[in-house]
Amino acid sequence: MRNSIEVNLDIEKIIYVVFIIISVMGIIGTNYEEKFIETGDSSYHEKGCTIFKITIVIALIIYLYYLKRNYEIYNEASSKEKNLIRIRLFGSVFFVVGAICLVYFRFKDPGFVDSPEI
């Protein structure tokens, strides 16, 4: 049976592949936004916004996974390790809060022309 460290490493590999995919999606979305700016055709803008919404939501899910994982590591750590691991945990919280803000902004203001910062 596999231990949790091996499972986490397998999940990390999957996350790296997902980040590559959403990076390519971001490039495609940016190309749609450029076509929208050049042509004024709103269908390009809608396609770009849809792609950006999907990438932000996927990134949020990944950041939530890291937050959960870091919280579990923090709970299992010794008192000596907790101070350093607390920094990782706070970093994860900041990533999640930032991603939630981006999701809110992207869904609240679909007219904004720009790529998301994930």
PDB file of N, CA and C in Angstrom:
ATOM      1  N   MET A   1       0.835  -1.184   0.000  1.00  0.00           N
ATOM      2  CA  MET A   1       0.000   0.000   0.000  1.00  0.00           C
ATOM      3  C   MET A   1       0.885   1.255   0.000  1.00  0.00           C
ATOM      4  N   ARG A   2       0.461   2.249  -0.708  1.00  0.00           N
ATOM      5  CA  ARG A   2       1.239   3.470  -0.863  1.00  0.00           C
ATOM      6  C   ARG A   2       1.009   4.403   0.324  1.00  0.00           C
ATOM      7  N   ASN A   3       2.068   5.094   0.720  1.00  0.00           N
ATOM      8  CA  ASN A   3       1.894   6.039   1.815  1.00  0.00           C
ATOM      9  C   ASN A   3       1.444   7.395   1.267  1.00  0.00           C
ATOM     10  N   SER A   4       1.099   8.296   2.170  1.00  0.00           N
ATOM     11  CA  SER A   4       0.539   9.574   1.754  1.00  0.00           C
ATOM     12  C   SER A   4       1.551  10.434   0.993  1.00  0.00           C
ATOM     13  N   ILE A   5       2.839  10.277   1.286  1.00  0.00           N
ATOM     14  CA  ILE A   5       3.847  11.060   0.565  1.00  0.00           C
ATOM     15  C   ILE A   5       3.877  10.661  -0.904  1.00  0.00           C
ATOM     16  N   GLU A   6       3.805   9.365  -1.180  1.00  0.00           N
ATOM     17  CA  GLU A   6       3.797   8.898  -2.571  1.00  0.00           C
ATOM     18  C   GLU A   6       2.540   9.354  -3.293  1.00  0.00           C
ATOM     19  N   VAL A   7       1.418   9.322  -2.618  1.00  0.00           N
ATOM     20  CA  VAL A   7       0.165   9.785  -3.218  1.00  0.00           C
ATOM     21  C   VAL A   7       0.262  11.279  -3.527  1.00  0.00           C
ATOM     22  N   ASN A   8       0.801  12.051  -2.574  1.00  0.00           N
ATOM     23  CA  ASN A   8       0.958  13.491  -2.807  1.00  0.00           C
ATOM     24  C   ASN A   8       1.882  13.775  -3.984  1.00  0.00           C
ATOM     25  N   LEU A   9       2.932  12.996  -4.146  1.00  0.00           N
ATOM     26  CA  LEU A   9       3.832  13.189  -5.292  1.00  0.00           C
ATOM     27  C   LEU A   9       3.129  12.879  -6.611  1.00  0.00           C
ATOM     28  N   ASP A  10       2.288  11.867  -6.621  1.00  0.00           N
ATOM     29  CA  ASP A  10       1.514  11.563  -7.834  1.00  0.00           C
ATOM     30  C   ASP A  10       0.547  12.701  -8.150  1.00  0.00           C
ATOM     31  N   ILE A  11      -0.075  13.246  -7.120  1.00  0.00           N
ATOM     32  CA  ILE A  11      -0.984  14.370  -7.332  1.00  0.00           C
ATOM     33  C   ILE A  11      -0.214  15.581  -7.843  1.00  0.00           C
ATOM     34  N   GLU A  12       0.990  15.794  -7.330  1.00  0.00           N
ATOM     35  CA  GLU A  12       1.836  16.899  -7.805  1.00  0.00           C
ATOM     36  C   GLU A  12       2.098  16.774  -9.307  1.00  0.00           C
ATOM     37  N   LYS A  13       2.396  15.571  -9.768  1.00  0.00           N
ATOM     38  CA  LYS A  13       2.638  15.357 -11.198  1.00  0.00           C
ATOM     39  C   LYS A  13       1.412  15.744 -12.014  1.00  0.00           C
ATOM     40  N   ILE A  14       0.245  15.351 -11.536  1.00  0.00           N
ATOM     41  CA  ILE A  14      -1.001  15.688 -12.238  1.00  0.00           C
ATOM     42  C   ILE A  14      -1.208  17.193 -12.249  1.00  0.00           C
ATOM     43  N   ILE A  15      -0.926  17.838 -11.124  1.00  0.00           N
ATOM     44  CA  ILE A  15      -1.100  19.297 -11.033  1.00  0.00           C
ATOM     45  C   ILE A  15      -0.166  20.010 -12.016  1.00  0.00           C
ATOM     46  N   TYR A  16       1.062  19.535 -12.163  1.00  0.00           N
ATOM     47  CA  TYR A  16       1.982  20.149 -13.125  1.00  0.00           C
ATOM     48  C   TYR A  16       1.438  20.047 -14.550  1.00  0.00           C
ATOM     49  N   VAL A  17       0.879  18.909 -14.892  1.00  0.00           N
ATOM     50  CA  VAL A  17       0.286  18.740 -16.221  1.00  0.00           C
ATOM     51  C   VAL A  17      -0.907  19.683 -16.388  1.00  0.00           C
ATOM     52  N   VAL A  18      -1.734  19.791 -15.356  1.00  0.00           N
ATOM     53  CA  VAL A  18      -2.891  20.683 -15.415  1.00  0.00           C
ATOM     54  C   VAL A  18      -2.430  22.130 -15.577  1.00  0.00           C
ATOM     55  N   PHE A  19      -1.376  22.530 -14.871  1.00  0.00           N
ATOM     56  CA  PHE A  19      -0.865  23.893 -15.023  1.00  0.00           C
ATOM     57  C   PHE A  19      -0.365  24.143 -16.446  1.00  0.00           C
ATOM     58  N   ILE A  20       0.251  23.163 -17.050  1.00  0.00           N
ATOM     59  CA  ILE A  20       0.679  23.306 -18.452  1.00  0.00           C
ATOM     60  C   ILE A  20      -0.538  23.505 -19.342  1.00  0.00           C
ATOM     61  N   ILE A  21      -1.571  22.709 -19.105  1.00  0.00           N
ATOM     62  CA  ILE A  21      -2.782  22.810 -19.928  1.00  0.00           C
ATOM     63  C   ILE A  21      -3.449  24.167 -19.752  1.00  0.00           C
ATOM     64  N   ILE A  22      -3.583  24.636 -18.499  1.00  0.00           N
ATOM     65  CA  ILE A  22      -4.251  25.933 -18.332  1.00  0.00           C
ATOM     66  C   ILE A  22      -3.361  27.082 -18.814  1.00  0.00           C
ATOM     67  N   SER A  23      -2.065  26.881 -18.850  1.00  0.00           N
ATOM     68  CA  SER A  23      -1.184  27.899 -19.436  1.00  0.00           C
ATOM     69  C   SER A  23      -1.418  28.005 -20.941  1.00  0.00           C
ATOM     70  N   VAL A  24      -1.547  26.868 -21.597  1.00  0.00           N
ATOM     71  CA  VAL A  24      -1.855  26.861 -23.032  1.00  0.00           C
ATOM     72  C   VAL A  24      -3.232  27.477 -23.265  1.00  0.00           C
ATOM     73  N   MET A  25      -4.175  27.146 -22.390  1.00  0.00           N
ATOM     74  CA  MET A  25      -5.507  27.754 -22.510  1.00  0.00           C
ATOM     75  C   MET A  25      -5.420  29.270 -22.361  1.00  0.00           C
ATOM     76  N   GLY A  26      -4.557  29.748 -21.462  1.00  0.00           N
ATOM     77  CA  GLY A  26      -4.370  31.185 -21.296  1.00  0.00           C
ATOM     78  C   GLY A  26      -3.827  31.837 -22.552  1.00  0.00           C
ATOM     79  N   ILE A  27      -2.913  31.166 -23.223  1.00  0.00           N
ATOM     80  CA  ILE A  27      -2.376  31.689 -24.485  1.00  0.00           C
ATOM     81  C   ILE A  27      -3.483  31.769 -25.531  1.00  0.00           C
ATOM     82  N   ILE A  28      -4.289  30.732 -25.605  1.00  0.00           N
ATOM     83  CA  ILE A  28      -5.407  30.729 -26.558  1.00  0.00           C
ATOM     84  C   ILE A  28      -6.388  31.852 -26.234  1.00  0.00           C
ATOM     85  N   GLY A  29      -6.702  32.014 -24.932  1.00  0.00           N
ATOM     86  CA  GLY A  29      -7.613  33.084 -24.525  1.00  0.00           C
ATOM     87  C   GLY A  29      -7.061  34.457 -24.851  1.00  0.00           C
ATOM     88  N   THR A  30      -5.778  34.640 -24.657  1.00  0.00           N
ATOM     89  CA  THR A  30      -5.143  35.909 -24.989  1.00  0.00           C
ATOM     90  C   THR A  30      -5.205  36.172 -26.491  1.00  0.00           C
ATOM     91  N   ASN A  31      -5.022  35.134 -27.296  1.00  0.00           N
ATOM     92  CA  ASN A  31      -5.149  35.293 -28.755  1.00  0.00           C
ATOM     93  C   ASN A  31      -6.559  35.725 -29.132  1.00  0.00           C
ATOM     94  N   TYR A  32      -7.562  35.149 -28.461  1.00  0.00           N
ATOM     95  CA  TYR A  32      -8.950  35.580 -28.721  1.00  0.00           C
ATOM     96  C   TYR A  32      -9.141  37.052 -28.343  1.00  0.00           C
ATOM     97  N   GLU A  33      -8.566  37.469 -27.232  1.00  0.00           N
ATOM     98  CA  GLU A  33      -8.690  38.866 -26.820  1.00  0.00           C
ATOM     99  C   GLU A  33      -8.006  39.792 -27.832  1.00  0.00           C
ATOM    100  N   GLU A  34      -6.852  39.374 -28.367  1.00  0.00           N
ATOM    101  CA  GLU A  34      -6.177  40.173 -29.388  1.00  0.00           C
ATOM    102  C   GLU A  34      -7.038  40.294 -30.640  1.00  0.00           C
ATOM    103  N   LYS A  35      -7.679  39.184 -31.038  1.00  0.00           N
ATOM    104  CA  LYS A  35      -8.565  39.227 -32.208  1.00  0.00           C
ATOM    105  C   LYS A  35      -9.756  40.142 -31.943  1.00  0.00           C
ATOM    106  N   PHE A  36     -10.256  40.125 -30.696  1.00  0.00           N
ATOM    107  CA  PHE A  36     -11.364  41.012 -30.345  1.00  0.00           C
ATOM    108  C   PHE A  36     -10.936  42.468 -30.471  1.00  0.00           C
ATOM    109  N   ILE A  37      -9.746  42.792 -30.000  1.00  0.00           N
ATOM    110  CA  ILE A  37      -9.261  44.170 -30.067  1.00  0.00           C
ATOM    111  C   ILE A  37      -9.053  44.595 -31.520  1.00  0.00           C
ATOM    112  N   GLU A  38      -8.531  43.674 -32.348  1.00  0.00           N
ATOM    113  CA  GLU A  38      -8.275  43.991 -33.753  1.00  0.00           C
ATOM    114  C   GLU A  38      -9.564  44.123 -34.565  1.00  0.00           C
ATOM    115  N   THR A  39     -10.518  43.215 -34.337  1.00  0.00           N
ATOM    116  CA  THR A  39     -11.711  43.165 -35.178  1.00  0.00           C
ATOM    117  C   THR A  39     -12.943  43.798 -34.551  1.00  0.00           C
ATOM    118  N   GLY A  40     -12.991  43.835 -33.214  1.00  0.00           N
ATOM    119  CA  GLY A  40     -14.190  44.338 -32.544  1.00  0.00           C
ATOM    120  C   GLY A  40     -15.304  43.302 -32.480  1.00  0.00           C
ATOM    121  N   ASP A  41     -15.036  42.092 -32.936  1.00  0.00           N
ATOM    122  CA  ASP A  41     -16.031  41.010 -32.923  1.00  0.00           C
ATOM    123  C   ASP A  41     -16.164  40.472 -31.496  1.00  0.00           C
ATOM    124  N   SER A  42     -17.337  40.657 -30.900  1.00  0.00           N
ATOM    125  CA  SER A  42     -17.532  40.289 -29.497  1.00  0.00           C
ATOM    126  C   SER A  42     -17.501  38.781 -29.258  1.00  0.00           C
ATOM    127  N   SER A  43     -17.660  37.980 -30.314  1.00  0.00           N
ATOM    128  CA  SER A  43     -17.596  36.528 -30.117  1.00  0.00           C
ATOM    129  C   SER A  43     -16.193  36.106 -29.666  1.00  0.00           C
ATOM    130  N   TYR A  44     -15.168  36.807 -30.146  1.00  0.00           N
ATOM    131  CA  TYR A  44     -13.807  36.506 -29.692  1.00  0.00           C
ATOM    132  C   TYR A  44     -13.644  36.840 -28.209  1.00  0.00           C
ATOM    133  N   HIS A  45     -14.222  37.959 -27.802  1.00  0.00           N
ATOM    134  CA  HIS A  45     -14.140  38.356 -26.402  1.00  0.00           C
ATOM    135  C   HIS A  45     -14.865  37.342 -25.506  1.00  0.00           C
ATOM    136  N   GLU A  46     -16.012  36.884 -25.937  1.00  0.00           N
ATOM    137  CA  GLU A  46     -16.764  35.892 -25.155  1.00  0.00           C
ATOM    138  C   GLU A  46     -15.985  34.586 -25.018  1.00  0.00           C
ATOM    139  N   LYS A  47     -15.352  34.158 -26.106  1.00  0.00           N
ATOM    140  CA  LYS A  47     -14.549  32.934 -26.054  1.00  0.00           C
ATOM    141  C   LYS A  47     -13.362  33.111 -25.110  1.00  0.00           C
ATOM    142  N   GLY A  48     -12.690  34.252 -25.211  1.00  0.00           N
ATOM    143  CA  GLY A  48     -11.562  34.519 -24.335  1.00  0.00           C
ATOM    144  C   GLY A  48     -11.977  34.559 -22.868  1.00  0.00           C
ATOM    145  N   CYS A  49     -13.090  35.227 -22.580  1.00  0.00           N
ATOM    146  CA  CYS A  49     -13.575  35.310 -21.198  1.00  0.00           C
ATOM    147  C   CYS A  49     -13.929  33.934 -20.654  1.00  0.00           C
ATOM    148  N   THR A  50     -14.546  33.103 -21.476  1.00  0.00           N
ATOM    149  CA  THR A  50     -14.903  31.756 -21.043  1.00  0.00           C
ATOM    150  C   THR A  50     -13.650  30.952 -20.691  1.00  0.00           C
ATOM    151  N   ILE A  51     -12.654  31.050 -21.551  1.00  0.00           N
ATOM    152  CA  ILE A  51     -11.395  30.334 -21.286  1.00  0.00           C
ATOM    153  C   ILE A  51     -10.759  30.848 -19.997  1.00  0.00           C
ATOM    154  N   PHE A  52     -10.739  32.163 -19.804  1.00  0.00           N
ATOM    155  CA  PHE A  52     -10.133  32.718 -18.604  1.00  0.00           C
ATOM    156  C   PHE A  52     -10.893  32.302 -17.346  1.00  0.00           C
ATOM    157  N   LYS A  53     -12.212  32.246 -17.428  1.00  0.00           N
ATOM    158  CA  LYS A  53     -13.000  31.807 -16.271  1.00  0.00           C
ATOM    159  C   LYS A  53     -12.670  30.363 -15.908  1.00  0.00           C
ATOM    160  N   ILE A  54     -12.563  29.530 -16.916  1.00  0.00           N
ATOM    161  CA  ILE A  54     -12.238  28.119 -16.669  1.00  0.00           C
ATOM    162  C   ILE A  54     -10.857  27.998 -16.031  1.00  0.00           C
ATOM    163  N   THR A  55      -9.874  28.737 -16.552  1.00  0.00           N
ATOM    164  CA  THR A  55      -8.511  28.630 -16.008  1.00  0.00           C
ATOM    165  C   THR A  55      -8.440  29.124 -14.570  1.00  0.00           C
ATOM    166  N   ILE A  56      -9.163  30.185 -14.264  1.00  0.00           N
ATOM    167  CA  ILE A  56      -9.137  30.710 -12.899  1.00  0.00           C
ATOM    168  C   ILE A  56      -9.790  29.731 -11.931  1.00  0.00           C
ATOM    169  N   VAL A  57     -10.900  29.140 -12.325  1.00  0.00           N
ATOM    170  CA  VAL A  57     -11.583  28.186 -11.444  1.00  0.00           C
ATOM    171  C   VAL A  57     -10.703  26.948 -11.218  1.00  0.00           C
ATOM    172  N   ILE A  58     -10.055  26.476 -12.264  1.00  0.00           N
ATOM    173  CA  ILE A  58      -9.151  25.324 -12.109  1.00  0.00           C
ATOM    174  C   ILE A  58      -7.996  25.687 -11.180  1.00  0.00           C
ATOM    175  N   ALA A  59      -7.427  26.873 -11.357  1.00  0.00           N
ATOM    176  CA  ALA A  59      -6.337  27.309 -10.475  1.00  0.00           C
ATOM    177  C   ALA A  59      -6.821  27.405  -9.029  1.00  0.00           C
ATOM    178  N   LEU A  60      -8.033  27.899  -8.820  1.00  0.00           N
ATOM    179  CA  LEU A  60      -8.585  27.984  -7.467  1.00  0.00           C
ATOM    180  C   LEU A  60      -8.702  26.600  -6.838  1.00  0.00           C
ATOM    181  N   ILE A  61      -9.146  25.631  -7.604  1.00  0.00           N
ATOM    182  CA  ILE A  61      -9.253  24.263  -7.092  1.00  0.00           C
ATOM    183  C   ILE A  61      -7.875  23.731  -6.692  1.00  0.00           C
ATOM    184  N   ILE A  62      -6.879  24.006  -7.515  1.00  0.00           N
ATOM    185  CA  ILE A  62      -5.515  23.562  -7.195  1.00  0.00           C
ATOM    186  C   ILE A  62      -5.018  24.247  -5.919  1.00  0.00           C
ATOM    187  N   TYR A  63      -5.263  25.549  -5.806  1.00  0.00           N
ATOM    188  CA  TYR A  63      -4.825  26.268  -4.610  1.00  0.00           C
ATOM    189  C   TYR A  63      -5.549  25.762  -3.366  1.00  0.00           C
ATOM    190  N   LEU A  64      -6.819  25.393  -3.505  1.00  0.00           N
ATOM    191  CA  LEU A  64      -7.554  24.817  -2.376  1.00  0.00           C
ATOM    192  C   LEU A  64      -6.949  23.476  -1.961  1.00  0.00           C
ATOM    193  N   TYR A  65      -6.516  22.689  -2.940  1.00  0.00           N
ATOM    194  CA  TYR A  65      -5.852  21.425  -2.621  1.00  0.00           C
ATOM    195  C   TYR A  65      -4.577  21.684  -1.816  1.00  0.00           C
ATOM    196  N   TYR A  66      -3.759  22.657  -2.262  1.00  0.00           N
ATOM    197  CA  TYR A  66      -2.526  22.973  -1.535  1.00  0.00           C
ATOM    198  C   TYR A  66      -2.827  23.478  -0.122  1.00  0.00           C
ATOM    199  N   LEU A  67      -3.875  24.275   0.016  1.00  0.00           N
ATOM    200  CA  LEU A  67      -4.255  24.756   1.339  1.00  0.00           C
ATOM    201  C   LEU A  67      -4.625  23.585   2.249  1.00  0.00           C
ATOM    202  N   LYS A  68      -5.417  22.659   1.741  1.00  0.00           N
ATOM    203  CA  LYS A  68      -5.810  21.476   2.513  1.00  0.00           C
ATOM    204  C   LYS A  68      -4.588  20.643   2.888  1.00  0.00           C
ATOM    205  N   ARG A  69      -3.734  20.418   1.917  1.00  0.00           N
ATOM    206  CA  ARG A  69      -2.542  19.610   2.164  1.00  0.00           C
ATOM    207  C   ARG A  69      -1.622  20.267   3.194  1.00  0.00           C
ATOM    208  N   ASN A  70      -1.403  21.565   3.060  1.00  0.00           N
ATOM    209  CA  ASN A  70      -0.538  22.258   4.006  1.00  0.00           C
ATOM    210  C   ASN A  70      -1.150  22.313   5.406  1.00  0.00           C
ATOM    211  N   TYR A  71      -2.469  22.390   5.482  1.00  0.00           N
ATOM    212  CA  TYR A  71      -3.132  22.353   6.787  1.00  0.00           C
ATOM    213  C   TYR A  71      -2.937  20.987   7.448  1.00  0.00           C
ATOM    214  N   GLU A  72      -3.060  19.927   6.659  1.00  0.00           N
ATOM    215  CA  GLU A  72      -2.843  18.582   7.204  1.00  0.00           C
ATOM    216  C   GLU A  72      -1.393  18.400   7.658  1.00  0.00           C
ATOM    217  N   ILE A  73      -0.449  18.902   6.872  1.00  0.00           N
ATOM    218  CA  ILE A  73       0.961  18.818   7.252  1.00  0.00           C
ATOM    219  C   ILE A  73       1.201  19.606   8.545  1.00  0.00           C
ATOM    220  N   TYR A  74       0.573  20.771   8.650  1.00  0.00           N
ATOM    221  CA  TYR A  74       0.724  21.596   9.851  1.00  0.00           C
ATOM    222  C   TYR A  74       0.208  20.857  11.087  1.00  0.00           C
ATOM    223  N   ASN A  75      -0.940  20.216  10.957  1.00  0.00           N
ATOM    224  CA  ASN A  75      -1.519  19.494  12.098  1.00  0.00           C
ATOM    225  C   ASN A  75      -0.671  18.310  12.530  1.00  0.00           C
ATOM    226  N   GLU A  76       0.050  17.694  11.599  1.00  0.00           N
ATOM    227  CA  GLU A  76       0.858  16.522  11.916  1.00  0.00           C
ATOM    228  C   GLU A  76       2.289  16.887  12.346  1.00  0.00           C
ATOM    229  N   ALA A  77       2.660  18.144  12.218  1.00  0.00           N
ATOM    230  CA  ALA A  77       4.047  18.558  12.480  1.00  0.00           C
ATOM    231  C   ALA A  77       4.333  18.651  13.974  1.00  0.00           C
ATOM    232  N   SER A  78       5.601  18.506  14.288  1.00  0.00           N
ATOM    233  CA  SER A  78       6.043  18.699  15.671  1.00  0.00           C
ATOM    234  C   SER A  78       6.052  20.196  15.984  1.00  0.00           C
ATOM    235  N   SER A  79       6.178  20.521  17.238  1.00  0.00           N
ATOM    236  CA  SER A  79       6.137  21.934  17.616  1.00  0.00           C
ATOM    237  C   SER A  79       7.307  22.722  17.012  1.00  0.00           C
ATOM    238  N   LYS A  80       8.463  22.075  16.813  1.00  0.00           N
ATOM    239  CA  LYS A  80       9.607  22.745  16.186  1.00  0.00           C
ATOM    240  C   LYS A  80       9.315  23.084  14.723  1.00  0.00           C
ATOM    241  N   GLU A  81       8.648  22.172  14.032  1.00  0.00           N
ATOM    242  CA  GLU A  81       8.380  22.356  12.598  1.00  0.00           C
ATOM    243  C   GLU A  81       7.216  23.305  12.339  1.00  0.00           C
ATOM    244  N   LYS A  82       6.336  23.476  13.313  1.00  0.00           N
ATOM    245  CA  LYS A  82       5.100  24.244  13.083  1.00  0.00           C
ATOM    246  C   LYS A  82       5.362  25.678  12.649  1.00  0.00           C
ATOM    247  N   ASN A  83       6.402  26.328  13.176  1.00  0.00           N
ATOM    248  CA  ASN A  83       6.649  27.719  12.800  1.00  0.00           C
ATOM    249  C   ASN A  83       6.939  27.860  11.308  1.00  0.00           C
ATOM    250  N   LEU A  84       7.788  27.006  10.771  1.00  0.00           N
ATOM    251  CA  LEU A  84       8.094  27.077   9.338  1.00  0.00           C
ATOM    252  C   LEU A  84       6.904  26.655   8.496  1.00  0.00           C
ATOM    253  N   ILE A  85       6.215  25.623   8.917  1.00  0.00           N
ATOM    254  CA  ILE A  85       5.068  25.135   8.140  1.00  0.00           C
ATOM    255  C   ILE A  85       3.927  26.146   8.187  1.00  0.00           C
ATOM    256  N   ARG A  86       3.833  26.914   9.256  1.00  0.00           N
ATOM    257  CA  ARG A  86       2.804  27.956   9.357  1.00  0.00           C
ATOM    258  C   ARG A  86       2.982  28.977   8.229  1.00  0.00           C
ATOM    259  N   ILE A  87       4.215  29.258   7.855  1.00  0.00           N
ATOM    260  CA  ILE A  87       4.475  30.191   6.749  1.00  0.00           C
ATOM    261  C   ILE A  87       3.907  29.631   5.450  1.00  0.00           C
ATOM    262  N   ARG A  88       4.140  28.339   5.202  1.00  0.00           N
ATOM    263  CA  ARG A  88       3.559  27.699   4.007  1.00  0.00           C
ATOM    264  C   ARG A  88       2.046  27.767   4.038  1.00  0.00           C
ATOM    265  N   LEU A  89       1.478  27.536   5.214  1.00  0.00           N
ATOM    266  CA  LEU A  89       0.025  27.567   5.355  1.00  0.00           C
ATOM    267  C   LEU A  89      -0.519  28.966   5.068  1.00  0.00           C
ATOM    268  N   PHE A  90       0.131  29.994   5.615  1.00  0.00           N
ATOM    269  CA  PHE A  90      -0.302  31.364   5.328  1.00  0.00           C
ATOM    270  C   PHE A  90      -0.160  31.698   3.848  1.00  0.00           C
ATOM    271  N   GLY A  91       0.916  31.242   3.230  1.00  0.00           N
ATOM    272  CA  GLY A  91       1.082  31.450   1.791  1.00  0.00           C
ATOM    273  C   GLY A  91      -0.053  30.820   1.000  1.00  0.00           C
ATOM    274  N   SER A  92      -0.454  29.622   1.398  1.00  0.00           N
ATOM    275  CA  SER A  92      -1.572  28.951   0.730  1.00  0.00           C
ATOM    276  C   SER A  92      -2.867  29.736   0.908  1.00  0.00           C
ATOM    277  N   VAL A  93      -3.065  30.273   2.105  1.00  0.00           N
ATOM    278  CA  VAL A  93      -4.267  31.088   2.357  1.00  0.00           C
ATOM    279  C   VAL A  93      -4.269  32.303   1.442  1.00  0.00           C
ATOM    280  N   PHE A  94      -3.115  32.960   1.308  1.00  0.00           N
ATOM    281  CA  PHE A  94      -3.035  34.137   0.438  1.00  0.00           C
ATOM    282  C   PHE A  94      -3.322  33.782  -1.022  1.00  0.00           C
ATOM    283  N   PHE A  95      -2.803  32.643  -1.487  1.00  0.00           N
ATOM    284  CA  PHE A  95      -3.090  32.212  -2.852  1.00  0.00           C
ATOM    285  C   PHE A  95      -4.582  31.986  -3.049  1.00  0.00           C
ATOM    286  N   VAL A  96      -5.225  31.330  -2.093  1.00  0.00           N
ATOM    287  CA  VAL A  96      -6.662  31.048  -2.210  1.00  0.00           C
ATOM    288  C   VAL A  96      -7.451  32.353  -2.202  1.00  0.00           C
ATOM    289  N   VAL A  97      -7.118  33.262  -1.299  1.00  0.00           N
ATOM    290  CA  VAL A  97      -7.824  34.540  -1.242  1.00  0.00           C
ATOM    291  C   VAL A  97      -7.643  35.309  -2.555  1.00  0.00           C
ATOM    292  N   GLY A  98      -6.425  35.322  -3.080  1.00  0.00           N
ATOM    293  CA  GLY A  98      -6.174  35.991  -4.359  1.00  0.00           C
ATOM    294  C   GLY A  98      -6.963  35.369  -5.502  1.00  0.00           C
ATOM    295  N   ALA A  99      -7.008  34.046  -5.535  1.00  0.00           N
ATOM    296  CA  ALA A  99      -7.750  33.357  -6.591  1.00  0.00           C
ATOM    297  C   ALA A  99      -9.248  33.627  -6.465  1.00  0.00           C
ATOM    298  N   ILE A 100      -9.752  33.661  -5.234  1.00  0.00           N
ATOM    299  CA  ILE A 100     -11.176  33.968  -5.031  1.00  0.00           C
ATOM    300  C   ILE A 100     -11.472  35.383  -5.528  1.00  0.00           C
ATOM    301  N   CYS A 101     -10.576  36.321  -5.251  1.00  0.00           N
ATOM    302  CA  CYS A 101     -10.761  37.687  -5.752  1.00  0.00           C
ATOM    303  C   CYS A 101     -10.769  37.722  -7.279  1.00  0.00           C
ATOM    304  N   LEU A 102      -9.863  36.966  -7.912  1.00  0.00           N
ATOM    305  CA  LEU A 102      -9.840  36.916  -9.377  1.00  0.00           C
ATOM    306  C   LEU A 102     -11.110  36.291  -9.933  1.00  0.00           C
ATOM    307  N   VAL A 103     -11.595  35.221  -9.307  1.00  0.00           N
ATOM    308  CA  VAL A 103     -12.847  34.587  -9.751  1.00  0.00           C
ATOM    309  C   VAL A 103     -13.987  35.590  -9.637  1.00  0.00           C
ATOM    310  N   TYR A 104     -14.078  36.261  -8.504  1.00  0.00           N
ATOM    311  CA  TYR A 104     -15.139  37.248  -8.304  1.00  0.00           C
ATOM    312  C   TYR A 104     -15.055  38.347  -9.365  1.00  0.00           C
ATOM    313  N   PHE A 105     -13.858  38.879  -9.564  1.00  0.00           N
ATOM    314  CA  PHE A 105     -13.677  39.957 -10.529  1.00  0.00           C
ATOM    315  C   PHE A 105     -14.042  39.511 -11.938  1.00  0.00           C
ATOM    316  N   ARG A 106     -13.580  38.319 -12.327  1.00  0.00           N
ATOM    317  CA  ARG A 106     -13.812  37.843 -13.693  1.00  0.00           C
ATOM    318  C   ARG A 106     -15.296  37.592 -13.950  1.00  0.00           C
ATOM    319  N   PHE A 107     -16.002  37.060 -12.957  1.00  0.00           N
ATOM    320  CA  PHE A 107     -17.426  36.778 -13.151  1.00  0.00           C
ATOM    321  C   PHE A 107     -18.274  38.034 -12.976  1.00  0.00           C
ATOM    322  N   LYS A 108     -17.815  38.995 -12.202  1.00  0.00           N
ATOM    323  CA  LYS A 108     -18.569  40.223 -11.954  1.00  0.00           C
ATOM    324  C   LYS A 108     -18.416  41.222 -13.094  1.00  0.00           C
ATOM    325  N   ASP A 109     -17.240  41.253 -13.729  1.00  0.00           N
ATOM    326  CA  ASP A 109     -16.968  42.220 -14.787  1.00  0.00           C
ATOM    327  C   ASP A 109     -16.504  41.495 -16.052  1.00  0.00           C
ATOM    328  N   PRO A 110     -17.446  40.883 -16.782  1.00  0.00           N
ATOM    329  CA  PRO A 110     -17.034  40.116 -17.978  1.00  0.00           C
ATOM    330  C   PRO A 110     -16.581  41.005 -19.132  1.00  0.00           C
ATOM    331  N   GLY A 111     -16.775  42.300 -19.057  1.00  0.00           N
ATOM    332  CA  GLY A 111     -16.377  43.181 -20.137  1.00  0.00           C
ATOM    333  C   GLY A 111     -14.905  43.546 -20.115  1.00  0.00           C
ATOM    334  N   PHE A 112     -14.216  43.187 -19.061  1.00  0.00           N
ATOM    335  CA  PHE A 112     -12.802  43.535 -18.922  1.00  0.00           C
ATOM    336  C   PHE A 112     -11.972  42.778 -19.950  1.00  0.00           C
ATOM    337  N   VAL A 113     -11.125  43.487 -20.667  1.00  0.00           N
ATOM    338  CA  VAL A 113     -10.298  42.873 -21.707  1.00  0.00           C
ATOM    339  C   VAL A 113      -8.874  42.744 -21.182  1.00  0.00           C
ATOM    340  N   ASP A 114      -8.521  41.550 -20.770  1.00  0.00           N
ATOM    341  CA  ASP A 114      -7.166  41.260 -20.315  1.00  0.00           C
ATOM    342  C   ASP A 114      -7.147  39.798 -19.860  1.00  0.00           C
ATOM    343  N   SER A 115      -5.946  39.242 -19.792  1.00  0.00           N
ATOM    344  CA  SER A 115      -5.835  37.868 -19.326  1.00  0.00           C
ATOM    345  C   SER A 115      -5.755  37.858 -17.799  1.00  0.00           C
ATOM    346  N   PRO A 116      -6.176  36.750 -17.189  1.00  0.00           N
ATOM    347  CA  PRO A 116      -6.097  36.666 -15.730  1.00  0.00           C
ATOM    348  C   PRO A 116      -4.664  36.423 -15.273  1.00  0.00           C
ATOM    349  N   GLU A 117      -4.400  36.774 -14.069  1.00  0.00           N
ATOM    350  CA  GLU A 117      -3.075  36.553 -13.488  1.00  0.00           C
ATOM    351  C   GLU A 117      -3.191  35.381 -12.528  1.00  0.00           C
ATOM    352  N   ILE A 118      -2.896  34.167 -13.015  1.00  0.00           N
ATOM    353  CA  ILE A 118      -3.054  33.007 -12.128  1.00  0.00           C
ATOM    354  C   ILE A 118      -1.756  32.600 -11.558  1.00  0.00           C
TER     355      ILE A 118
END
